């Protein structure tokens, strides 16, 4: 399958909002978040800011053979201490999982933003940890700093555009 990612335009925001319901639902296995009385899950409060702060926040739609397959939300964090890319949210629809589409999309988005990266997975989300270990080991030659804090497993690494996908 041909995998592509592209920045979601404002008129495509509803696509990510709709996919967010599946994303949050999948996470209830690890978070026990309750569904609301109206049958939906709460929206991420910061989601609208991805179309407001377009210099530092990047919403991507993933496509597999032109069909929507998921989304990626990336933030660029700048402080006096450091500047880095933060992979805030990554979601692949179940029908596309274990097909290599997620790995391809992850590599595409990481290579789209040069430099230092940080991400985390919940400590109890073993499938996500295995997925990201595989992707990052292919991208970084095992130069990954891992730390555990407050129920989360963080990874920090660097990727430069001269690296191969």
Foldseek 3Di string as FASTA:
>chain_A
DDKDKDFDAPVCLVVQQVLVQVVVVVCCVPVVQDADPVRTRDGDPCSVVLNVCVVFKTKMFMDDVNHTFWIWIKGWDDDPVDTEIEGEDTDGPPVCPPVCNSLVVVVVVQLVDFWKYKYKDFLPPVVVVVVVVVSVCVFAVPPWDWDDDDRIIMIMGGGHNVTDD
